[in-house]
Amino acid sequence: MRKISIGIQSFEKLINENFVYVDKTRFLYDLVTKGNYYFFARPRRFGKSLLISTLAAIFSGEKELFEGLAISTLPYEWKKYPIIIISFSDISFTYPDELDEKIKDYLLHIAREHHITLETHLSPGQMLRSMVIELSQKEQVVLLIDEYDYAILKYVQDKDKAEQVREIVKNFYTVIKGLDQYLKFVFLTGVSRFAKTSIFSGLNNLEDITVSPHYNFLVGYTKEEITAFFADYIALIVQERGISQEQLLTDITTWYDGYTFSKTDLDAHIYNPFSVMLFLKNNDFSNYWFESGTPTFLINLLKTKNYPMQNFEAIEATGAELGQFDIEDIELKTLLFQTGYLTIKGYDSESRNYILGYVNKETIDSLGEYVIKSMTSIARSSTAKVVAVVSKALQQLDFQRMHAALKEFFVQIPYTIQIGDEKYYQTIFYLIFKMLGADIVVEQPTNIGRIDAVLQTKEYCFIIEFKINATAQKALKQIETKKYYEPYIPSGKKIILVGITFDTTTRNVSEVEHIILTNHF
């Protein structure tokens, strides 16, 4: 049984040391034979670095490494080219004014590997130009740049430092546009596409394949790839858990599937490869991807925007908004999409807007726990506990138990934290309900009003109204009077009207009342 690799980014090592390699070479064949300049963005831990390593092996002419893979059956000329690989995540620096020298040190190291001597007084861009020209004396050069935006993202919370870093990398990338005659192939990866970074304005022939339907599966896994390449692990887990393969795949889908990067095939979902491999290795569902790098800058940005989590349930965005963002005015939906917390759920051909939504259980649970902790200072373990209790209470229609669990939760919020208006606790309720795995819509508009929340499970539809310093009966009366429930009667589900009230004096949930809808209404 082949081993599962965690964190190994070398294609050669995967092949030579008997690790599982999910074959993407049919797509790579198209890349290297149909174009020359590419940009490709994906969230972190999605396999971009392994992709760079695999391209390097192809352009190194290492045909023997690809025996049995798709590209070995295709008419490719295994010619060897000089290759320059630059990974900005490997360039360590503490302050922006150090970056210039750190890039130069990095390039000097690459030059030594190619037996080239570079003049140290040159700028990083000039060094790159000099190295490319010298290497191209026999064959054109392949330039592979991984995590091109890493240095900028490091300071995304600090506008001044981020701009300083952006100018440094801008000057570096500007050089590439004048090297066309010396370059065979250029491939850049990153998480984001920053505005005002000249690599994109200068390289007019740079093809952005980020949302290309043809390269949708270039990284990440499909269901078919998981069942084919990890069949032994799936069989083992099925046996250990005593469940069917269908049930196991359903659970894996719930936790780690749901990424869509193309508007033309919305059913072409991608699984998070990092989390899938760790699950198959450990036989334990967990938030592996999120825990591998807590997005502190994202939580802080959400905090400055008053945590508008429910606003991203089905939000529209233009292609331009998805494609890039500016340090001076970072759009939250753009950042959430590019970092992997939102994905494409639909496309409106008339407005040409993308419809975005949350991805899967891992991203919802993890982000929800961190946001609630930031809002309340309550430990993530307490959030997980209240979610579990509320889930069981809703299944059993035990609203007394639900009330007790919510009161116990809110009492943990330190008195020093100022609980704001209805939006504050509505956001907390939204996140708790969202983490149940239920379908929830907040502030659902109707012809005569706006429903605070609609929560749907397989059996039930809960119409929820929140009130501050009022009675639960008043909340229920509003639902009845405005007939918020009417659009959901055709669903065939049992409809439950729920009134939840919050007392700002006690700083807690004061009442939870419900009515089971009957023909009386």
Protein backbone atom coordinates (compact mmCIF):
# COMPACT_ATOMS: atom_id res chain seq x y z
CA MET A 1 0.00 0.00 0.00
CA ARG A 2 1.46 3.35 -1.03
CA LYS A 3 2.15 5.84 1.74
CA ILE A 4 0.19 9.06 2.22
CA SER A 5 2.32 12.16 2.06
CA ILE A 6 1.73 15.09 4.39
CA GLY A 7 3.67 18.22 3.55
CA ILE A 8 5.86 16.60 0.87
CA GLN A 9 6.07 19.00 -2.06
CA SER A 10 8.65 17.15 -4.17
CA PHE A 11 7.24 15.15 -7.09
CA GLU A 12 10.47 13.18 -7.37
CA LYS A 13 10.30 12.15 -3.70
CA LEU A 14 6.66 11.09 -3.98
CA ILE A 15 7.44 8.81 -6.90
CA ASN A 16 10.76 7.39 -5.69
CA GLU A 17 9.63 6.75 -2.11
CA ASN A 18 6.33 5.04 -2.95
CA PHE A 19 3.88 7.77 -1.88
CA VAL A 20 0.43 8.19 -3.40
CA TYR A 21 0.48 10.64 -6.30
CA VAL A 22 -2.90 11.66 -7.68
CA ASP A 23 -2.19 11.86 -11.40
CA LYS A 24 -2.68 15.39 -12.75
CA THR A 25 -0.31 15.02 -15.67
CA ARG A 26 -3.00 15.01 -18.37
CA PHE A 27 -3.70 18.64 -17.42
CA LEU A 28 0.00 19.45 -17.19
CA TYR A 29 0.50 18.09 -20.69
CA ASP A 30 -2.01 20.63 -21.99
CA LEU A 31 -0.30 23.42 -20.03
CA VAL A 32 3.18 22.75 -21.38
CA THR A 33 2.10 22.13 -24.99
CA LYS A 34 -0.63 24.75 -25.50
CA GLY A 35 0.74 27.88 -23.86
CA ASN A 36 3.75 29.63 -22.36
CA TYR A 37 2.71 32.11 -19.66
CA TYR A 38 0.27 31.19 -16.89
CA PHE A 39 -1.04 32.45 -13.57
CA PHE A 40 -2.91 30.10 -11.24
CA ALA A 41 -4.43 30.95 -7.85
CA ARG A 42 -5.70 28.55 -5.21
CA PRO A 43 -6.00 28.62 -1.40
CA ARG A 44 -3.07 27.47 0.73
CA ARG A 45 -2.40 23.75 1.16
CA PHE A 46 -4.08 22.88 -2.13
CA GLY A 47 -1.03 21.42 -3.88
CA LYS A 48 0.39 24.42 -5.73
CA SER A 49 3.97 23.71 -4.65
CA LEU A 50 3.72 20.06 -5.74
CA LEU A 51 2.37 21.32 -9.06
CA ILE A 52 5.47 23.51 -9.49
CA SER A 53 7.72 20.54 -8.64
CA THR A 54 5.94 18.33 -11.16
CA LEU A 55 6.32 20.94 -13.90
CA ALA A 56 10.02 21.16 -13.05
CA ALA A 57 10.37 17.39 -13.45
CA ILE A 58 8.64 17.53 -16.85
CA PHE A 59 10.90 20.32 -18.14
CA SER A 60 13.94 18.52 -16.73
CA GLY A 61 13.16 15.68 -19.13
CA GLU A 62 12.85 13.11 -16.31
CA LYS A 63 10.64 10.78 -18.32
CA GLU A 64 11.31 7.77 -16.08
CA LEU A 65 9.54 9.45 -13.15
CA PHE A 66 6.30 9.59 -15.13
CA GLU A 67 6.10 5.92 -16.06
CA GLY A 68 2.48 4.77 -15.80
CA LEU A 69 1.11 8.30 -15.57
CA ALA A 70 -1.16 9.92 -18.15
CA ILE A 71 1.54 12.07 -19.73
CA SER A 72 3.62 8.97 -20.54
CA THR A 73 0.97 7.93 -23.07
CA LEU A 74 0.91 11.33 -24.78
CA PRO A 75 3.22 12.61 -27.56
CA TYR A 76 5.50 14.78 -25.45
CA GLU A 77 9.14 15.47 -26.35
CA TRP A 78 11.12 14.96 -23.15
CA LYS A 79 13.59 17.76 -23.69
CA LYS A 80 15.67 19.23 -20.87
CA TYR A 81 15.50 22.98 -20.21
CA PRO A 82 17.29 25.18 -17.68
CA ILE A 83 14.88 25.87 -14.82
CA ILE A 84 14.65 28.65 -12.25
CA ILE A 85 12.31 27.96 -9.32
CA ILE A 86 11.52 30.81 -6.93
CA SER A 87 9.36 30.13 -3.89
CA PHE A 88 8.58 33.32 -2.02
CA SER A 89 7.40 31.34 0.99
CA ASP A 90 11.04 30.24 1.40
CA ILE A 91 12.33 33.82 1.54
CA SER A 92 12.36 34.67 5.22
CA PHE A 93 12.34 38.29 6.39
CA THR A 94 11.22 40.15 9.49
CA TYR A 95 10.81 43.71 8.22
CA PRO A 96 9.88 45.01 4.75
CA ASP A 97 13.18 46.85 4.30
CA GLU A 98 14.98 43.48 4.61
CA LEU A 99 13.12 41.92 1.70
CA ASP A 100 15.31 43.32 -1.08
CA GLU A 101 18.48 41.79 0.37
CA LYS A 102 16.74 38.51 1.22
CA ILE A 103 15.58 38.11 -2.39
CA LYS A 104 19.12 38.82 -3.58
CA ASP A 105 20.53 36.17 -1.20
CA TYR A 106 17.96 33.70 -2.49
CA LEU A 107 18.86 34.41 -6.13
CA LEU A 108 22.58 34.14 -5.39
CA HIS A 109 21.95 30.66 -3.99
CA ILE A 110 20.06 29.63 -7.15
CA ALA A 111 22.84 31.08 -9.32
CA ARG A 112 25.47 29.03 -7.48
CA GLU A 113 23.45 25.87 -8.15
CA HIS A 114 23.62 26.75 -11.86
CA HIS A 115 27.33 27.64 -11.61
CA ILE A 116 26.60 31.28 -12.40
CA THR A 117 28.23 34.27 -10.77
CA LEU A 118 26.01 37.29 -10.22
CA GLU A 119 27.14 40.80 -9.37
CA THR A 120 25.93 41.59 -5.84
CA HIS A 121 25.41 45.31 -6.47
CA LEU A 122 22.54 44.55 -8.84
CA SER A 123 18.90 44.81 -7.79
CA PRO A 124 16.92 41.55 -7.41
CA GLY A 125 15.22 42.16 -10.77
CA GLN A 126 18.53 42.81 -12.50
CA MET A 127 19.95 39.65 -10.94
CA LEU A 128 17.04 37.62 -12.30
CA ARG A 129 17.48 39.14 -15.74
CA SER A 130 21.21 38.42 -15.74
CA MET A 131 20.66 34.80 -14.66
CA VAL A 132 17.93 34.14 -17.25
CA ILE A 133 19.99 35.56 -20.10
CA GLU A 134 23.08 33.53 -19.16
CA LEU A 135 21.12 30.29 -18.74
CA SER A 136 19.39 30.78 -22.10
CA GLN A 137 22.60 30.52 -24.12
CA LYS A 138 21.74 26.93 -25.10
CA GLU A 139 18.02 26.61 -24.43
CA GLN A 140 15.24 28.95 -23.39
CA VAL A 141 14.61 29.09 -19.65
CA VAL A 142 11.65 27.80 -17.64
CA LEU A 143 10.68 30.20 -14.84
CA LEU A 144 8.47 28.82 -12.06
CA ILE A 145 7.38 31.18 -9.26
CA ASP A 146 5.52 29.74 -6.29
CA GLU A 147 3.48 31.84 -3.83
CA TYR A 148 4.28 35.05 -5.68
CA ASP A 149 2.11 37.02 -3.21
CA TYR A 150 3.44 35.50 0.03
CA ALA A 151 5.45 38.55 1.05
CA ILE A 152 2.50 40.91 0.51
CA LEU A 153 0.03 38.69 2.38
CA LYS A 154 2.39 38.64 5.34
CA TYR A 155 1.57 42.30 5.96
CA VAL A 156 -2.01 42.44 4.69
CA GLN A 157 -3.10 43.83 8.08
CA ASP A 158 -0.61 46.70 7.90
CA LYS A 159 -1.39 48.87 4.89
CA ASP A 160 1.87 50.87 4.97
CA LYS A 161 4.12 47.81 5.24
CA ALA A 162 2.07 45.92 2.67
CA GLU A 163 2.50 48.78 0.20
CA GLN A 164 6.22 48.86 0.88
CA VAL A 165 6.50 45.14 0.16
CA ARG A 166 4.30 45.48 -2.91
CA GLU A 167 6.64 48.06 -4.44
CA ILE A 168 9.62 45.76 -3.85
CA VAL A 169 8.04 42.75 -5.54
CA LYS A 170 6.58 44.98 -8.25
CA ASN A 171 10.08 46.13 -9.23
CA PHE A 172 11.19 42.51 -9.23
CA TYR A 173 8.37 41.24 -11.45
CA THR A 174 8.63 44.14 -13.88
CA VAL A 175 11.85 42.65 -15.25
CA ILE A 176 10.09 39.53 -16.54
CA LYS A 177 8.17 41.34 -19.26
CA GLY A 178 11.43 42.17 -21.06
CA LEU A 179 12.71 38.57 -21.05
CA ASP A 180 10.24 37.01 -23.47
CA GLN A 181 12.85 35.93 -26.04
CA TYR A 182 14.78 34.08 -23.35
CA LEU A 183 11.86 32.28 -21.71
CA LYS A 184 10.30 28.99 -22.78
CA PHE A 185 7.63 28.78 -20.09
CA VAL A 186 6.49 30.89 -17.13
CA PHE A 187 4.14 29.70 -14.40
CA LEU A 188 3.15 31.67 -11.30
CA THR A 189 1.04 30.54 -8.37
CA GLY A 190 -0.45 32.46 -5.48
CA VAL A 191 -3.46 32.86 -3.26
CA SER A 192 -4.52 36.35 -4.33
CA ARG A 193 -4.25 38.58 -7.35
CA PHE A 194 -3.20 41.97 -6.04
CA ALA A 195 -4.04 45.11 -7.93
CA LYS A 196 -1.19 47.39 -9.01
CA THR A 197 1.31 44.52 -9.14
CA SER A 198 3.00 45.03 -12.48
CA ILE A 199 3.51 41.33 -13.19
CA PHE A 200 -0.03 41.34 -14.61
CA SER A 201 0.04 44.68 -16.40
CA GLY A 202 3.48 43.99 -17.84
CA LEU A 203 2.94 40.43 -19.01
CA ASN A 204 0.14 41.02 -21.48
CA ASN A 205 0.28 37.40 -22.62
CA LEU A 206 -0.06 35.97 -19.11
CA GLU A 207 -3.07 33.62 -19.13
CA ASP A 208 -5.00 33.50 -15.86
CA ILE A 209 -6.35 29.94 -15.57
CA THR A 210 -7.67 30.34 -12.02
CA VAL A 211 -11.34 29.95 -13.01
CA SER A 212 -10.76 28.09 -16.27
CA PRO A 213 -13.12 25.08 -16.48
CA HIS A 214 -10.43 23.08 -18.26
CA TYR A 215 -8.02 23.45 -15.34
CA ASN A 216 -10.62 23.24 -12.57
CA PHE A 217 -9.11 19.93 -11.39
CA LEU A 218 -5.45 20.91 -11.75
CA VAL A 219 -5.06 20.67 -7.96
CA GLY A 220 -7.34 19.27 -5.27
CA TYR A 221 -9.18 15.95 -5.55
CA THR A 222 -12.37 14.78 -7.20
CA LYS A 223 -14.53 12.02 -5.75
CA GLU A 224 -13.38 9.72 -8.55
CA GLU A 225 -9.72 10.43 -7.77
CA ILE A 226 -10.23 9.70 -4.07
CA THR A 227 -11.88 6.35 -4.73
CA ALA A 228 -9.28 5.39 -7.35
CA PHE A 229 -6.01 6.50 -5.76
CA PHE A 230 -6.89 5.90 -2.10
CA ALA A 231 -8.95 2.71 -2.53
CA ASP A 232 -6.88 0.74 0.01
CA TYR A 233 -7.30 3.38 2.69
CA ILE A 234 -11.03 3.70 2.06
CA ALA A 235 -11.49 -0.07 2.31
CA LEU A 236 -9.53 -0.12 5.58
CA ILE A 237 -11.57 2.70 7.15
CA VAL A 238 -14.86 1.15 6.00
CA GLN A 239 -13.86 -2.05 7.79
CA GLU A 240 -12.70 -0.27 10.95
CA ARG A 241 -15.85 1.88 11.19
CA GLY A 242 -18.25 -0.85 10.19
CA ILE A 243 -20.03 1.35 7.65
CA SER A 244 -20.62 1.23 3.92
CA GLN A 245 -18.26 2.88 1.46
CA GLU A 246 -21.16 5.06 0.31
CA GLN A 247 -21.68 6.38 3.85
CA LEU A 248 -17.96 7.04 4.31
CA LEU A 249 -17.76 8.98 1.05
CA THR A 250 -20.86 10.97 2.05
CA ASP A 251 -19.18 11.93 5.33
CA ILE A 252 -15.93 12.89 3.57
CA THR A 253 -17.98 15.00 1.15
CA THR A 254 -19.76 16.81 4.00
CA TRP A 255 -16.48 17.66 5.70
CA TYR A 256 -14.04 18.38 2.88
CA ASP A 257 -15.82 18.75 -0.49
CA GLY A 258 -17.55 21.78 -1.96
CA TYR A 259 -14.87 23.89 -3.66
CA THR A 260 -15.88 25.17 -7.09
CA PHE A 261 -13.62 27.35 -9.20
CA SER A 262 -15.52 27.37 -12.49
CA LYS A 263 -18.81 29.05 -13.41
CA THR A 264 -19.51 26.64 -16.27
CA ASP A 265 -19.66 23.42 -14.24
CA LEU A 266 -21.07 24.15 -10.79
CA ASP A 267 -21.33 20.44 -9.98
CA ALA A 268 -17.59 19.95 -10.54
CA HIS A 269 -16.67 20.04 -6.86
CA ILE A 270 -13.15 19.79 -5.50
CA TYR A 271 -12.15 18.18 -2.20
CA ASN A 272 -9.53 19.82 0.00
CA PRO A 273 -6.51 17.53 -0.62
CA PHE A 274 -4.70 18.36 2.64
CA SER A 275 -7.66 17.48 4.86
CA VAL A 276 -8.62 14.39 2.85
CA MET A 277 -5.12 12.92 3.16
CA LEU A 278 -4.96 13.58 6.90
CA PHE A 279 -8.38 12.04 7.42
CA LEU A 280 -7.45 8.93 5.44
CA LYS A 281 -4.18 8.66 7.36
CA ASN A 282 -5.73 9.17 10.82
CA ASN A 283 -9.27 7.85 10.30
CA ASP A 284 -10.53 10.87 12.23
CA PHE A 285 -12.65 13.78 11.02
CA SER A 286 -11.10 17.05 12.11
CA ASN A 287 -10.49 20.61 10.91
CA TYR A 288 -7.03 19.83 9.54
CA TRP A 289 -6.77 22.55 6.89
CA PHE A 290 -7.96 25.36 9.12
CA GLU A 291 -5.74 24.32 12.02
CA SER A 292 -2.68 24.21 9.77
CA GLY A 293 -2.66 28.00 9.67
CA THR A 294 -5.02 30.10 11.76
CA PRO A 295 -6.02 33.10 9.61
CA THR A 296 -5.42 35.76 12.27
CA PHE A 297 -5.49 38.56 9.69
CA LEU A 298 -8.88 37.33 8.46
CA ILE A 299 -10.41 37.19 11.94
CA ASN A 300 -9.10 40.67 12.66
CA LEU A 301 -10.54 41.99 9.42
CA LEU A 302 -13.91 40.41 10.20
CA LYS A 303 -13.74 42.09 13.60
CA THR A 304 -13.24 45.54 12.09
CA LYS A 305 -16.28 44.91 9.87
CA ASN A 306 -18.41 43.83 12.88
CA TYR A 307 -18.38 40.15 11.89
CA PRO A 308 -20.88 40.21 8.99
CA MET A 309 -20.79 36.40 8.72
CA GLN A 310 -24.44 35.98 7.74
CA ASN A 311 -23.95 38.42 4.85
CA PHE A 312 -21.90 35.83 2.97
CA GLU A 313 -24.51 33.09 2.86
CA ALA A 314 -25.34 33.81 -0.79
CA ILE A 315 -23.48 36.94 -1.80
CA GLU A 316 -22.91 38.16 -5.34
CA ALA A 317 -19.53 39.16 -6.72
CA THR A 318 -18.25 40.22 -10.12
CA GLY A 319 -15.44 38.41 -11.86
CA ALA A 320 -13.22 41.42 -11.20
CA GLU A 321 -13.98 41.25 -7.47
CA LEU A 322 -13.02 37.58 -7.37
CA GLY A 323 -9.93 38.12 -9.49
CA GLN A 324 -8.06 40.68 -7.44
CA PHE A 325 -8.18 42.99 -4.48
CA ASP A 326 -6.41 46.15 -3.50
CA ILE A 327 -4.51 46.62 -0.26
CA GLU A 328 -6.10 50.06 0.12
CA ASP A 329 -9.64 48.64 0.09
CA ILE A 330 -9.85 44.92 0.79
CA GLU A 331 -13.23 43.43 0.00
CA LEU A 332 -14.08 40.79 2.60
CA LYS A 333 -15.89 38.58 0.09
CA THR A 334 -12.84 38.66 -2.19
CA LEU A 335 -10.50 37.71 0.63
CA LEU A 336 -12.82 34.96 1.88
CA PHE A 337 -13.05 33.51 -1.63
CA GLN A 338 -9.35 33.67 -2.40
CA THR A 339 -8.33 32.19 0.94
CA GLY A 340 -10.81 29.31 0.60
CA TYR A 341 -13.64 30.14 3.03
CA LEU A 342 -16.17 30.98 0.33
CA THR A 343 -16.63 29.24 -2.99
CA ILE A 344 -18.69 29.60 -6.17
CA LYS A 345 -22.24 28.34 -5.65
CA GLY A 346 -23.89 29.76 -8.76
CA TYR A 347 -23.61 32.12 -11.70
CA ASP A 348 -26.11 34.67 -13.04
CA SER A 349 -25.59 34.87 -16.79
CA GLU A 350 -27.61 38.09 -17.08
CA SER A 351 -25.74 40.14 -14.48
CA ARG A 352 -22.58 38.04 -14.99
CA ASN A 353 -22.26 37.89 -11.22
CA TYR A 354 -20.95 34.91 -9.29
CA ILE A 355 -22.97 33.64 -6.31
CA LEU A 356 -20.71 32.77 -3.37
CA GLY A 357 -21.35 30.71 -0.25
CA TYR A 358 -19.59 28.83 2.52
CA VAL A 359 -17.77 25.68 1.46
CA ASN A 360 -18.13 22.71 3.81
CA LYS A 361 -18.36 21.59 7.43
CA GLU A 362 -14.65 22.09 8.09
CA THR A 363 -14.61 25.74 7.00
CA ILE A 364 -17.96 26.59 8.62
CA ASP A 365 -17.15 24.97 11.97
CA SER A 366 -13.63 26.34 12.17
CA LEU A 367 -14.42 29.88 11.12
CA GLY A 368 -17.52 29.89 13.31
CA GLU A 369 -15.60 28.82 16.41
CA TYR A 370 -12.87 31.41 15.88
CA VAL A 371 -15.31 34.24 15.20
CA ILE A 372 -17.42 33.41 18.26
CA LYS A 373 -14.28 33.24 20.40
CA SER A 374 -13.22 36.63 19.09
CA MET A 375 -16.68 38.11 19.75
CA THR A 376 -17.21 36.60 23.19
CA SER A 377 -13.86 35.36 24.59
CA ILE A 378 -15.58 32.00 25.10
CA ALA A 379 -13.36 28.95 24.56
CA ARG A 380 -13.86 27.07 21.30
CA SER A 381 -14.60 23.90 23.30
CA SER A 382 -17.62 25.62 24.88
CA THR A 383 -18.88 26.61 21.44
CA ALA A 384 -18.55 23.03 20.22
CA LYS A 385 -20.46 21.85 23.30
CA VAL A 386 -23.40 24.24 22.86
CA VAL A 387 -23.62 23.34 19.15
CA ALA A 388 -23.89 19.63 20.06
CA VAL A 389 -26.58 20.25 22.70
CA VAL A 390 -28.63 22.60 20.49
CA SER A 391 -28.42 20.09 17.64
CA LYS A 392 -29.88 17.31 19.76
CA ALA A 393 -32.48 19.64 21.29
CA LEU A 394 -33.75 20.69 17.86
CA GLN A 395 -33.94 17.09 16.69
CA GLN A 396 -36.07 16.27 19.73
CA LEU A 397 -37.97 19.61 19.72
CA ASP A 398 -36.76 20.07 23.29
CA PHE A 399 -36.73 23.88 23.48
CA GLN A 400 -36.36 23.90 27.24
CA ARG A 401 -33.05 22.13 26.88
CA MET A 402 -32.05 24.46 24.07
CA HIS A 403 -32.85 27.48 26.26
CA ALA A 404 -30.75 26.10 29.12
CA ALA A 405 -27.78 25.44 26.82
CA LEU A 406 -27.92 28.94 25.33
CA LYS A 407 -28.18 30.55 28.80
CA GLU A 408 -25.18 28.55 29.99
CA PHE A 409 -23.27 29.68 26.91
CA PHE A 410 -24.05 33.41 27.18
CA VAL A 411 -23.30 33.53 30.88
CA GLN A 412 -19.67 32.80 30.02
CA ILE A 413 -19.26 36.10 28.14
CA PRO A 414 -17.13 38.39 30.32
CA TYR A 415 -18.92 41.47 31.60
CA THR A 416 -16.19 43.65 30.08
CA ILE A 417 -17.37 42.72 26.57
CA GLN A 418 -20.05 45.12 25.44
CA ILE A 419 -22.97 43.21 23.98
CA GLY A 420 -24.36 45.39 21.26
CA ASP A 421 -27.70 45.44 19.51
CA GLU A 422 -29.77 42.65 18.04
CA LYS A 423 -27.17 42.09 15.31
CA TYR A 424 -24.56 41.03 17.87
CA TYR A 425 -26.43 38.08 19.31
CA GLN A 426 -28.12 37.32 16.00
CA THR A 427 -24.65 36.75 14.54
CA ILE A 428 -23.78 34.38 17.38
CA PHE A 429 -27.04 32.47 16.92
CA TYR A 430 -26.46 32.33 13.18
CA LEU A 431 -23.01 30.81 13.63
CA ILE A 432 -24.24 28.27 16.17
CA PHE A 433 -27.10 27.22 13.90
CA LYS A 434 -24.85 27.19 10.84
CA MET A 435 -22.44 24.87 12.63
CA LEU A 436 -25.30 22.40 13.15
CA GLY A 437 -24.98 21.52 9.49
CA ALA A 438 -28.47 22.85 8.84
CA ASP A 439 -29.59 25.09 6.00
CA ILE A 440 -30.01 28.56 7.51
CA VAL A 441 -31.02 31.83 5.90
CA VAL A 442 -31.02 35.07 7.91
CA GLU A 443 -33.09 38.18 7.35
CA GLN A 444 -35.08 36.40 4.67
CA PRO A 445 -37.23 39.02 2.86
CA THR A 446 -40.95 38.42 2.28
CA ASN A 447 -43.65 40.58 0.70
CA ILE A 448 -44.58 42.07 4.10
CA GLY A 449 -41.43 41.87 6.19
CA ARG A 450 -38.11 40.25 6.87
CA ILE A 451 -37.73 36.97 8.76
CA ASP A 452 -34.86 37.01 11.26
CA ALA A 453 -33.86 33.40 10.48
CA VAL A 454 -35.12 30.29 8.71
CA LEU A 455 -33.46 27.05 9.76
CA GLN A 456 -34.19 23.90 7.79
CA THR A 457 -33.28 20.29 8.55
CA LYS A 458 -34.41 17.13 6.78
CA GLU A 459 -37.61 16.98 8.85
CA TYR A 460 -38.27 20.47 10.16
CA CYS A 461 -38.44 24.09 9.10
CA PHE A 462 -37.87 26.50 11.99
CA ILE A 463 -39.10 30.09 11.50
CA ILE A 464 -37.19 32.14 14.07
CA GLU A 465 -37.78 35.67 15.32
CA PHE A 466 -35.34 37.40 17.70
CA LYS A 467 -36.34 40.17 20.09
CA ILE A 468 -34.45 42.31 22.59
CA ASN A 469 -36.12 43.24 25.89
CA ALA A 470 -39.45 41.83 24.77
CA THR A 471 -41.46 38.65 25.22
CA ALA A 472 -41.17 35.48 23.19
CA GLN A 473 -44.94 35.66 22.67
CA LYS A 474 -44.48 38.99 20.90
CA ALA A 475 -41.91 37.39 18.62
CA LEU A 476 -44.26 34.49 17.85
CA LYS A 477 -47.15 36.89 17.26
CA GLN A 478 -45.09 38.73 14.65
CA ILE A 479 -44.43 35.47 12.77
CA GLU A 480 -48.15 34.62 12.88
CA THR A 481 -49.41 38.07 11.94
CA LYS A 482 -47.05 38.47 8.99
CA LYS A 483 -47.42 34.80 8.01
CA TYR A 484 -43.69 34.30 7.58
CA TYR A 485 -44.31 30.56 7.43
CA GLU A 486 -46.47 30.54 4.28
CA PRO A 487 -43.62 30.18 1.70
CA TYR A 488 -42.44 27.04 3.49
CA ILE A 489 -45.74 25.15 3.72
CA PRO A 490 -45.23 23.48 0.27
CA SER A 491 -41.97 21.93 1.50
CA GLY A 492 -43.95 19.26 3.34
CA LYS A 493 -41.74 19.68 6.40
CA LYS A 494 -43.15 20.19 9.87
CA ILE A 495 -43.00 23.94 10.51
CA ILE A 496 -42.01 25.20 13.94
CA LEU A 497 -42.36 28.86 14.92
CA VAL A 498 -39.69 29.93 17.41
CA GLY A 499 -39.42 33.11 19.44
CA ILE A 500 -36.10 33.88 21.13
CA THR A 501 -35.63 36.91 23.35
CA PHE A 502 -32.56 38.50 24.85
CA ASP A 503 -32.50 40.63 28.02
CA THR A 504 -29.84 43.34 27.98
CA THR A 505 -30.06 43.70 31.79
CA THR A 506 -29.23 40.07 32.52
CA ARG A 507 -27.15 39.88 29.32
CA ASN A 508 -28.65 36.54 28.47
CA VAL A 509 -31.37 34.67 26.61
CA SER A 510 -34.55 35.32 28.58
CA GLU A 511 -37.10 33.18 26.73
CA VAL A 512 -37.32 30.49 24.07
CA GLU A 513 -40.89 29.63 23.07
CA HIS A 514 -42.25 27.67 20.13
CA ILE A 515 -45.44 26.76 18.31
CA ILE A 516 -45.84 23.75 16.04
CA LEU A 517 -47.71 24.96 12.97
CA THR A 518 -51.12 23.36 12.42
CA ASN A 519 -54.05 24.02 10.11
CA HIS A 520 -55.18 26.63 12.66
CA PHE A 521 -53.07 29.16 10.77
